[in-house]
Amino acid sequence: MKLFFTIFTITFLAIIEIMFGNFGIFFPILSLGIIYFAQTNSRLFMLIAALITGIVIDIYLYHRAIPINLFIFVLLIFLQKPYKHLIDKGLAINSLIGGIIFTIIYLINCGISFYNNWDLISNLFLFFSTIIFNFCLGTVAMMILLITLESIAEKLKLPLFLQSGHRAIHRSFFYSRSK
């Protein structure tokens, strides 16, 4: 059941990201889904899933010369060990991590297509406002994703993301101190 839930959700998130991308909207929701499922599944399974989705999106659908998503997905899986210490801090901290990831992915994509985005980069107000917008969008997207997937996983009696880190004695909805 856990593998079916993971595969179904990753496929659904990939479809959402591709839909938004086809409309010209930057919305890397699949990266947040990979972070979520990398904590509750084995690293090998998530590495295979990330490789398959990265190859399908970057090479097959978008015909990119540099497979950006493939590198980002693999990097997110290998950064799970340091991230594991932040999971038990609550929903707000994890949502901020989603905002940071949206911003970093935006800056990577903006840097790779630097010549196409010169008008955006040269206008500093527009550039910083898009960075702030991506951070806020990523924070809200991660919060909604965490609430939705945690409630579904709880109904299906699957391992929960917010309980996969260290045990916390004083856990609240937004922040908790671990002892």
N, C-alpha and C. Protein backbone atom coordinates (compact mmCIF):
# COMPACT_ATOMS: atom_id res chain seq x y z
N MET A 1 0.82 -1.18 0.00
CA MET A 1 0.00 0.00 0.00
C MET A 1 0.87 1.26 0.00
N LYS A 2 1.99 1.22 0.74
CA LYS A 2 2.87 2.38 0.83
C LYS A 2 3.50 2.68 -0.53
N LEU A 3 3.91 1.64 -1.25
CA LEU A 3 4.52 1.85 -2.56
C LEU A 3 3.50 2.36 -3.58
N PHE A 4 2.28 1.85 -3.51
CA PHE A 4 1.24 2.32 -4.41
C PHE A 4 0.93 3.79 -4.13
N PHE A 5 0.82 4.15 -2.86
CA PHE A 5 0.57 5.55 -2.48
C PHE A 5 1.70 6.45 -2.96
N THR A 6 2.94 5.99 -2.83
CA THR A 6 4.09 6.78 -3.27
C THR A 6 4.09 6.96 -4.78
N ILE A 7 3.92 5.88 -5.52
CA ILE A 7 3.96 5.95 -6.98
C ILE A 7 2.80 6.78 -7.51
N PHE A 8 1.62 6.58 -6.95
CA PHE A 8 0.45 7.34 -7.40
C PHE A 8 0.63 8.83 -7.13
N THR A 9 1.12 9.18 -5.95
CA THR A 9 1.28 10.59 -5.60
C THR A 9 2.39 11.24 -6.41
N ILE A 10 3.50 10.56 -6.61
CA ILE A 10 4.58 11.13 -7.41
C ILE A 10 4.12 11.33 -8.85
N THR A 11 3.37 10.40 -9.38
CA THR A 11 2.83 10.55 -10.74
C THR A 11 1.86 11.73 -10.80
N PHE A 12 1.01 11.85 -9.80
CA PHE A 12 0.05 12.96 -9.75
C PHE A 12 0.77 14.31 -9.64
N LEU A 13 1.80 14.38 -8.80
CA LEU A 13 2.55 15.62 -8.65
C LEU A 13 3.34 15.95 -9.92
N ALA A 14 3.84 14.93 -10.62
CA ALA A 14 4.52 15.17 -11.89
C ALA A 14 3.56 15.72 -12.93
N ILE A 15 2.34 15.21 -12.96
CA ILE A 15 1.34 15.72 -13.89
C ILE A 15 0.99 17.17 -13.57
N ILE A 16 0.88 17.49 -12.28
CA ILE A 16 0.59 18.88 -11.89
C ILE A 16 1.73 19.80 -12.31
N GLU A 17 2.98 19.37 -12.06
CA GLU A 17 4.13 20.20 -12.44
C GLU A 17 4.20 20.39 -13.95
N ILE A 18 3.92 19.35 -14.71
CA ILE A 18 3.95 19.45 -16.17
C ILE A 18 2.82 20.35 -16.68
N MET A 19 1.64 20.24 -16.05
CA MET A 19 0.52 21.10 -16.45
C MET A 19 0.86 22.58 -16.23
N PHE A 20 1.37 22.90 -15.04
CA PHE A 20 1.75 24.28 -14.77
C PHE A 20 2.88 24.72 -15.69
N GLY A 21 3.83 23.85 -15.95
CA GLY A 21 4.95 24.17 -16.83
C GLY A 21 4.50 24.44 -18.26
N ASN A 22 3.50 23.72 -18.71
CA ASN A 22 3.00 23.95 -20.07
C ASN A 22 2.29 25.30 -20.19
N PHE A 23 1.77 25.80 -19.06
CA PHE A 23 1.17 27.14 -19.07
C PHE A 23 2.20 28.23 -18.80
N GLY A 24 3.46 27.85 -18.62
CA GLY A 24 4.52 28.81 -18.38
C GLY A 24 4.65 29.25 -16.93
N ILE A 25 4.09 28.47 -16.01
CA ILE A 25 4.13 28.81 -14.59
C ILE A 25 5.16 27.92 -13.91
N PHE A 26 6.06 28.53 -13.18
CA PHE A 26 7.09 27.80 -12.45
C PHE A 26 6.49 27.27 -11.16
N PHE A 27 6.38 25.95 -11.03
CA PHE A 27 5.77 25.33 -9.86
C PHE A 27 6.36 23.93 -9.65
N PRO A 28 7.56 23.83 -9.06
CA PRO A 28 8.22 22.52 -8.90
C PRO A 28 7.70 21.72 -7.71
N ILE A 29 6.45 21.36 -7.74
CA ILE A 29 5.81 20.64 -6.63
C ILE A 29 6.34 19.22 -6.50
N LEU A 30 6.85 18.64 -7.57
CA LEU A 30 7.37 17.29 -7.51
C LEU A 30 8.59 17.19 -6.60
N SER A 31 9.39 18.24 -6.54
CA SER A 31 10.54 18.25 -5.64
C SER A 31 10.11 18.14 -4.18
N LEU A 32 9.03 18.81 -3.84
CA LEU A 32 8.51 18.72 -2.47
C LEU A 32 7.96 17.33 -2.18
N GLY A 33 7.35 16.72 -3.18
CA GLY A 33 6.87 15.35 -3.00
C GLY A 33 8.00 14.36 -2.83
N ILE A 34 9.10 14.58 -3.51
CA ILE A 34 10.25 13.70 -3.34
C ILE A 34 10.85 13.85 -1.96
N ILE A 35 10.87 15.07 -1.44
CA ILE A 35 11.34 15.26 -0.06
C ILE A 35 10.43 14.51 0.91
N TYR A 36 9.13 14.61 0.70
CA TYR A 36 8.18 13.96 1.59
C TYR A 36 8.37 12.44 1.58
N PHE A 37 8.43 11.85 0.41
CA PHE A 37 8.48 10.40 0.32
C PHE A 37 9.86 9.82 0.58
N ALA A 38 10.90 10.63 0.47
CA ALA A 38 12.24 10.12 0.77
C ALA A 38 12.42 9.82 2.26
N GLN A 39 11.61 10.42 3.09
CA GLN A 39 11.70 10.16 4.53
C GLN A 39 10.96 8.89 4.93
N THR A 40 9.94 8.53 4.20
CA THR A 40 9.12 7.38 4.59
C THR A 40 9.40 6.13 3.77
N ASN A 41 10.18 6.24 2.70
CA ASN A 41 10.51 5.09 1.86
C ASN A 41 12.01 4.84 1.88
N SER A 42 12.42 3.74 1.28
CA SER A 42 13.84 3.44 1.23
C SER A 42 14.54 4.37 0.24
N ARG A 43 15.80 4.61 0.48
CA ARG A 43 16.57 5.52 -0.37
C ARG A 43 16.73 4.96 -1.78
N LEU A 44 16.91 3.66 -1.91
CA LEU A 44 17.06 3.05 -3.23
C LEU A 44 15.79 3.19 -4.06
N PHE A 45 14.64 2.93 -3.45
CA PHE A 45 13.37 3.07 -4.16
C PHE A 45 13.15 4.51 -4.62
N MET A 46 13.45 5.46 -3.74
CA MET A 46 13.25 6.85 -4.10
C MET A 46 14.26 7.31 -5.14
N LEU A 47 15.46 6.76 -5.10
CA LEU A 47 16.46 7.09 -6.11
C LEU A 47 16.01 6.60 -7.48
N ILE A 48 15.47 5.40 -7.55
CA ILE A 48 14.96 4.88 -8.81
C ILE A 48 13.76 5.70 -9.30
N ALA A 49 12.85 6.03 -8.38
CA ALA A 49 11.70 6.86 -8.76
C ALA A 49 12.12 8.24 -9.22
N ALA A 50 13.11 8.83 -8.55
CA ALA A 50 13.60 10.16 -8.95
C ALA A 50 14.28 10.10 -10.31
N LEU A 51 15.06 9.06 -10.55
CA LEU A 51 15.71 8.92 -11.85
C LEU A 51 14.70 8.77 -12.98
N ILE A 52 13.69 7.95 -12.75
CA ILE A 52 12.67 7.74 -13.78
C ILE A 52 11.89 9.01 -14.05
N THR A 53 11.42 9.69 -13.00
CA THR A 53 10.65 10.92 -13.23
C THR A 53 11.52 12.03 -13.79
N GLY A 54 12.76 12.14 -13.37
CA GLY A 54 13.65 13.15 -13.92
C GLY A 54 13.94 12.93 -15.39
N ILE A 55 14.16 11.67 -15.77
CA ILE A 55 14.41 11.36 -17.18
C ILE A 55 13.17 11.62 -18.02
N VAL A 56 12.01 11.22 -17.51
CA VAL A 56 10.78 11.44 -18.28
C VAL A 56 10.50 12.92 -18.47
N ILE A 57 10.64 13.70 -17.40
CA ILE A 57 10.33 15.13 -17.51
C ILE A 57 11.38 15.87 -18.33
N ASP A 58 12.65 15.68 -18.00
CA ASP A 58 13.70 16.48 -18.64
C ASP A 58 14.01 16.04 -20.06
N ILE A 59 14.19 14.77 -20.26
CA ILE A 59 14.67 14.29 -21.56
C ILE A 59 13.52 13.98 -22.51
N TYR A 60 12.51 13.28 -22.02
CA TYR A 60 11.44 12.85 -22.91
C TYR A 60 10.44 13.97 -23.21
N LEU A 61 10.00 14.69 -22.18
CA LEU A 61 8.96 15.70 -22.40
C LEU A 61 9.50 17.06 -22.84
N TYR A 62 10.51 17.57 -22.10
CA TYR A 62 10.98 18.92 -22.38
C TYR A 62 12.21 18.97 -23.27
N HIS A 63 12.83 17.85 -23.57
CA HIS A 63 14.01 17.76 -24.44
C HIS A 63 15.11 18.74 -24.01
N ARG A 64 15.42 18.76 -22.74
CA ARG A 64 16.44 19.66 -22.21
C ARG A 64 17.83 19.07 -22.44
N ALA A 65 18.75 19.95 -22.76
CA ALA A 65 20.14 19.51 -22.94
C ALA A 65 20.78 19.20 -21.59
N ILE A 66 20.41 19.97 -20.58
CA ILE A 66 20.90 19.73 -19.21
C ILE A 66 19.71 19.25 -18.38
N PRO A 67 19.73 18.00 -17.93
CA PRO A 67 18.60 17.49 -17.15
C PRO A 67 18.59 18.06 -15.73
N ILE A 68 18.03 19.24 -15.57
CA ILE A 68 18.03 19.96 -14.30
C ILE A 68 17.27 19.19 -13.23
N ASN A 69 16.05 18.76 -13.55
CA ASN A 69 15.23 18.07 -12.56
C ASN A 69 15.88 16.78 -12.08
N LEU A 70 16.54 16.08 -12.97
CA LEU A 70 17.20 14.84 -12.60
C LEU A 70 18.26 15.09 -11.53
N PHE A 71 19.07 16.11 -11.72
CA PHE A 71 20.10 16.44 -10.74
C PHE A 71 19.49 16.93 -9.42
N ILE A 72 18.45 17.73 -9.51
CA ILE A 72 17.82 18.26 -8.30
C ILE A 72 17.16 17.15 -7.51
N PHE A 73 16.47 16.24 -8.17
CA PHE A 73 15.79 15.14 -7.46
C PHE A 73 16.80 14.24 -6.74
N VAL A 74 17.88 13.90 -7.42
CA VAL A 74 18.90 13.05 -6.80
C VAL A 74 19.56 13.78 -5.64
N LEU A 75 19.82 15.06 -5.81
CA LEU A 75 20.41 15.85 -4.73
C LEU A 75 19.49 15.92 -3.52
N LEU A 76 18.19 16.07 -3.75
CA LEU A 76 17.24 16.13 -2.64
C LEU A 76 17.19 14.80 -1.87
N ILE A 77 17.36 13.71 -2.56
CA ILE A 77 17.35 12.41 -1.88
C ILE A 77 18.60 12.25 -1.03
N PHE A 78 19.74 12.68 -1.55
CA PHE A 78 20.98 12.53 -0.77
C PHE A 78 21.11 13.56 0.34
N LEU A 79 20.31 14.60 0.33
CA LEU A 79 20.33 15.58 1.42
C LEU A 79 19.31 15.26 2.52
N GLN A 80 18.76 14.06 2.51
CA GLN A 80 17.76 13.71 3.50
C GLN A 80 18.35 13.49 4.88
N LYS A 81 19.58 13.07 4.98
CA LYS A 81 20.17 12.83 6.29
C LYS A 81 20.30 14.11 7.10
N PRO A 82 20.85 15.22 6.55
CA PRO A 82 20.86 16.44 7.36
C PRO A 82 19.47 17.02 7.58
N TYR A 83 18.55 16.78 6.64
CA TYR A 83 17.20 17.31 6.77
C TYR A 83 16.40 16.57 7.84
N LYS A 84 16.79 15.35 8.15
CA LYS A 84 16.06 14.54 9.11
C LYS A 84 16.00 15.20 10.49
N HIS A 85 16.97 16.05 10.81
CA HIS A 85 16.98 16.71 12.11
C HIS A 85 15.97 17.84 12.19
N LEU A 86 15.45 18.30 11.06
CA LEU A 86 14.49 19.39 11.06
C LEU A 86 13.04 18.92 11.00
N ILE A 87 12.84 17.64 10.72
CA ILE A 87 11.48 17.15 10.51
C ILE A 87 10.63 17.27 11.76
N ASP A 88 11.21 16.96 12.90
CA ASP A 88 10.41 16.97 14.12
C ASP A 88 10.17 18.36 14.68
N LYS A 89 10.61 19.39 13.99
CA LYS A 89 10.39 20.77 14.45
C LYS A 89 8.99 21.27 14.16
N GLY A 90 8.23 20.57 13.39
CA GLY A 90 6.84 20.94 13.15
C GLY A 90 6.57 21.36 11.71
N LEU A 91 5.33 21.75 11.52
CA LEU A 91 4.85 22.06 10.18
C LEU A 91 5.42 23.37 9.63
N ALA A 92 5.56 24.36 10.48
CA ALA A 92 6.03 25.67 10.00
C ALA A 92 7.46 25.62 9.50
N ILE A 93 8.35 24.94 10.22
CA ILE A 93 9.75 24.84 9.79
C ILE A 93 9.85 24.06 8.49
N ASN A 94 9.11 22.98 8.37
CA ASN A 94 9.14 22.20 7.14
C ASN A 94 8.55 22.98 5.96
N SER A 95 7.57 23.82 6.22
CA SER A 95 7.02 24.65 5.16
C SER A 95 8.03 25.68 4.68
N LEU A 96 8.81 26.22 5.61
CA LEU A 96 9.86 27.17 5.22
C LEU A 96 10.93 26.48 4.37
N ILE A 97 11.20 25.22 4.66
CA ILE A 97 12.14 24.45 3.83
C ILE A 97 11.60 24.33 2.41
N GLY A 98 10.29 24.16 2.27
CA GLY A 98 9.68 24.13 0.94
C GLY A 98 9.87 25.44 0.20
N GLY A 99 9.75 26.56 0.91
CA GLY A 99 10.00 27.86 0.29
C GLY A 99 11.44 28.02 -0.15
N ILE A 100 12.37 27.55 0.67
CA ILE A 100 13.79 27.62 0.32
C ILE A 100 14.08 26.78 -0.91
N ILE A 101 13.47 25.61 -0.99
CA ILE A 101 13.71 24.73 -2.14
C ILE A 101 13.13 25.33 -3.42
N PHE A 102 11.93 25.92 -3.34
CA PHE A 102 11.37 26.60 -4.52
C PHE A 102 12.30 27.70 -4.99
N THR A 103 12.84 28.48 -4.05
CA THR A 103 13.71 29.60 -4.40
C THR A 103 15.01 29.11 -5.03
N ILE A 104 15.60 28.07 -4.47
CA ILE A 104 16.86 27.55 -5.01
C ILE A 104 16.66 26.98 -6.41
N ILE A 105 15.58 26.24 -6.60
CA ILE A 105 15.31 25.68 -7.93
C ILE A 105 15.05 26.80 -8.93
N TYR A 106 14.36 27.85 -8.50
CA TYR A 106 14.12 28.99 -9.39
C TYR A 106 15.44 29.66 -9.78
N LEU A 107 16.33 29.85 -8.81
CA LEU A 107 17.62 30.49 -9.11
C LEU A 107 18.48 29.62 -10.01
N ILE A 108 18.42 28.29 -9.83
CA ILE A 108 19.16 27.39 -10.72
C ILE A 108 18.62 27.49 -12.14
N ASN A 109 17.30 27.46 -12.30
CA ASN A 109 16.72 27.56 -13.64
C ASN A 109 16.98 28.93 -14.26
N CYS A 110 16.95 29.97 -13.45
CA CYS A 110 17.21 31.32 -13.95
C CYS A 110 18.68 31.46 -14.35
N GLY A 111 19.57 30.83 -13.61
CA GLY A 111 20.99 30.90 -13.94
C GLY A 111 21.36 30.11 -15.17
N ILE A 112 20.68 28.99 -15.39
CA ILE A 112 21.00 28.17 -16.57
C ILE A 112 20.54 28.87 -17.84
N SER A 113 19.38 29.47 -17.79
CA SER A 113 18.90 30.22 -18.98
C SER A 113 19.12 31.72 -18.76
N PHE A 114 20.37 32.07 -18.42
CA PHE A 114 20.74 33.44 -18.07
C PHE A 114 20.47 34.41 -19.21
N TYR A 115 20.81 34.03 -20.43
CA TYR A 115 20.65 34.94 -21.57
C TYR A 115 19.18 35.16 -21.91
N ASN A 116 18.35 34.18 -21.69
CA ASN A 116 16.92 34.36 -21.94
C ASN A 116 16.27 35.21 -20.86
N ASN A 117 16.83 35.22 -19.65
CA ASN A 117 16.24 35.94 -18.53
C ASN A 117 16.98 37.24 -18.22
N TRP A 118 17.73 37.78 -19.15
CA TRP A 118 18.51 38.98 -18.87
C TRP A 118 17.62 40.16 -18.50
N ASP A 119 16.46 40.30 -19.14
CA ASP A 119 15.55 41.40 -18.80
C ASP A 119 15.05 41.28 -17.37
N LEU A 120 14.78 40.05 -16.95
CA LEU A 120 14.32 39.82 -15.58
C LEU A 120 15.43 40.08 -14.58
N ILE A 121 16.63 39.60 -14.87
CA ILE A 121 17.74 39.74 -13.94
C ILE A 121 18.21 41.20 -13.86
N SER A 122 18.17 41.93 -14.96
CA SER A 122 18.64 43.31 -14.95
C SER A 122 17.69 44.24 -14.19
N ASN A 123 16.42 43.91 -14.11
CA ASN A 123 15.47 44.68 -13.32
C ASN A 123 15.47 44.11 -11.90
N LEU A 124 16.20 44.73 -11.00
CA LEU A 124 16.40 44.18 -9.66
C LEU A 124 15.11 44.07 -8.87
N PHE A 125 14.22 45.05 -9.00
CA PHE A 125 12.96 44.99 -8.26
C PHE A 125 12.14 43.78 -8.70
N LEU A 126 12.05 43.56 -10.00
CA LEU A 126 11.31 42.41 -10.52
C LEU A 126 11.97 41.10 -10.12
N PHE A 127 13.29 41.07 -10.15
CA PHE A 127 14.02 39.86 -9.80
C PHE A 127 13.81 39.49 -8.33
N PHE A 128 13.96 40.45 -7.44
CA PHE A 128 13.78 40.15 -6.02
C PHE A 128 12.31 39.89 -5.66
N SER A 129 11.40 40.52 -6.37
CA SER A 129 9.99 40.23 -6.10
C SER A 129 9.62 38.82 -6.55
N THR A 130 10.20 38.35 -7.65
CA THR A 130 9.93 36.96 -8.06
C THR A 130 10.57 35.96 -7.10
N ILE A 131 11.72 36.32 -6.54
CA ILE A 131 12.34 35.44 -5.54
C ILE A 131 11.46 35.36 -4.29
N ILE A 132 10.97 36.49 -3.83
CA ILE A 132 10.09 36.51 -2.65
C ILE A 132 8.79 35.77 -2.94
N PHE A 133 8.25 35.97 -4.16
CA PHE A 133 7.03 35.27 -4.53
C PHE A 133 7.25 33.76 -4.56
N ASN A 134 8.38 33.30 -5.12
CA ASN A 134 8.67 31.87 -5.15
C ASN A 134 8.84 31.30 -3.75
N PHE A 135 9.46 32.07 -2.85
CA PHE A 135 9.60 31.61 -1.47
C PHE A 135 8.24 31.46 -0.81
N CYS A 136 7.37 32.44 -0.97
CA CYS A 136 6.03 32.37 -0.37
C CYS A 136 5.21 31.25 -1.00
N LEU A 137 5.31 31.09 -2.32
CA LEU A 137 4.58 30.03 -3.01
C LEU A 137 5.06 28.65 -2.55
N GLY A 138 6.37 28.49 -2.39
CA GLY A 138 6.91 27.23 -1.93
C GLY A 138 6.51 26.92 -0.49
N THR A 139 6.47 27.94 0.35
CA THR A 139 6.05 27.75 1.74
C THR A 139 4.61 27.29 1.82
N VAL A 140 3.74 27.95 1.09
CA VAL A 140 2.32 27.58 1.09
C VAL A 140 2.12 26.21 0.45
N ALA A 141 2.83 25.94 -0.65
CA ALA A 141 2.69 24.65 -1.32
C ALA A 141 3.15 23.50 -0.42
N MET A 142 4.26 23.70 0.29
CA MET A 142 4.74 22.64 1.19
C MET A 142 3.78 22.43 2.34
N MET A 143 3.21 23.51 2.87
CA MET A 143 2.26 23.37 3.96
C MET A 143 1.01 22.61 3.52
N ILE A 144 0.49 22.96 2.36
CA ILE A 144 -0.70 22.26 1.84
C ILE A 144 -0.37 20.81 1.52
N LEU A 145 0.80 20.58 0.93
CA LEU A 145 1.21 19.21 0.60
C LEU A 145 1.38 18.37 1.86
N LEU A 146 2.03 18.93 2.86
CA LEU A 146 2.23 18.18 4.11
C LEU A 146 0.90 17.86 4.79
N ILE A 147 0.02 18.83 4.87
CA ILE A 147 -1.27 18.59 5.52
C ILE A 147 -2.07 17.55 4.76
N THR A 148 -2.08 17.66 3.43
CA THR A 148 -2.86 16.72 2.62
C THR A 148 -2.29 15.31 2.69
N LEU A 149 -0.99 15.17 2.46
CA LEU A 149 -0.39 13.84 2.44
C LEU A 149 -0.35 13.20 3.82
N GLU A 150 -0.17 14.01 4.86
CA GLU A 150 -0.19 13.46 6.22
C GLU A 150 -1.57 12.95 6.58
N SER A 151 -2.61 13.66 6.18
CA SER A 151 -3.96 13.19 6.51
C SER A 151 -4.31 11.93 5.72
N ILE A 152 -3.88 11.86 4.46
CA ILE A 152 -4.13 10.64 3.68
C ILE A 152 -3.34 9.47 4.26
N ALA A 153 -2.07 9.70 4.60
CA ALA A 153 -1.24 8.63 5.17
C ALA A 153 -1.78 8.18 6.52
N GLU A 154 -2.33 9.10 7.27
CA GLU A 154 -2.89 8.71 8.57
C GLU A 154 -4.14 7.85 8.39
N LYS A 155 -4.97 8.19 7.40
CA LYS A 155 -6.17 7.38 7.12
C LYS A 155 -5.80 6.00 6.61
N LEU A 156 -4.71 5.91 5.83
CA LEU A 156 -4.26 4.62 5.30
C LEU A 156 -3.36 3.86 6.26
N LYS A 157 -3.08 4.46 7.42
CA LYS A 157 -2.22 3.87 8.44
C LYS A 157 -0.81 3.60 7.90
N LEU A 158 -0.27 4.59 7.19
CA LEU A 158 1.09 4.54 6.65
C LEU A 158 2.01 5.37 7.54
N PRO A 159 3.32 5.20 7.40
CA PRO A 159 4.25 6.02 8.19
C PRO A 159 4.08 7.51 7.87
N LEU A 160 4.11 8.33 8.90
CA LEU A 160 3.91 9.76 8.73
C LEU A 160 5.25 10.48 8.61
N PHE A 161 5.26 11.52 7.80
CA PHE A 161 6.46 12.30 7.55
C PHE A 161 6.92 13.04 8.80
N LEU A 162 6.00 13.70 9.48
CA LEU A 162 6.36 14.50 10.64
C LEU A 162 6.78 13.65 11.84
N GLN A 163 6.55 12.36 11.78
CA GLN A 163 6.99 11.47 12.86
C GLN A 163 8.16 10.60 12.44
N SER A 164 8.75 10.87 11.27
CA SER A 164 9.85 10.04 10.80
C SER A 164 11.20 10.51 11.31
N GLY A 165 11.27 11.72 11.85
CA GLY A 165 12.52 12.24 12.40
C GLY A 165 12.72 11.75 13.83
N HIS A 166 13.45 12.51 14.58
CA HIS A 166 13.66 12.17 15.98
C HIS A 166 12.36 12.32 16.75
N ARG A 167 12.23 11.58 17.82
CA ARG A 167 11.04 11.69 18.66
C ARG A 167 11.03 13.02 19.40
N ALA A 168 9.91 13.66 19.40
CA ALA A 168 9.79 14.92 20.12
C ALA A 168 8.79 14.75 21.25
N ILE A 169 9.16 15.22 22.42
CA ILE A 169 8.26 15.12 23.57
C ILE A 169 7.24 16.24 23.53
N HIS A 170 7.69 17.45 23.27
CA HIS A 170 6.80 18.61 23.26
C HIS A 170 6.48 18.96 21.81
N ARG A 171 5.52 18.30 21.24
CA ARG A 171 5.17 18.53 19.84
C ARG A 171 3.89 19.35 19.77
N SER A 172 3.94 20.42 19.01
CA SER A 172 2.75 21.20 18.73
C SER A 172 2.56 21.24 17.22
N PHE A 173 1.53 21.95 16.77
CA PHE A 173 1.22 21.98 15.35
C PHE A 173 2.28 22.74 14.56
N PHE A 174 2.78 23.86 15.10
CA PHE A 174 3.71 24.69 14.36
C PHE A 174 5.16 24.49 14.74
N TYR A 175 5.46 24.27 15.99
CA TYR A 175 6.85 24.16 16.39
C TYR A 175 6.93 23.25 17.60
N SER A 176 8.01 22.51 17.70
CA SER A 176 8.18 21.65 18.86
C SER A 176 9.64 21.64 19.26
N ARG A 177 9.87 21.50 20.53
CA ARG A 177 11.23 21.38 21.06
C ARG A 177 11.49 19.91 21.30
N SER A 178 12.57 19.42 20.80
CA SER A 178 12.91 18.01 21.05
C SER A 178 13.90 17.94 22.19
N LYS A 179 13.73 16.94 23.03
CA LYS A 179 14.63 16.77 24.16
C LYS A 179 15.38 15.47 24.04
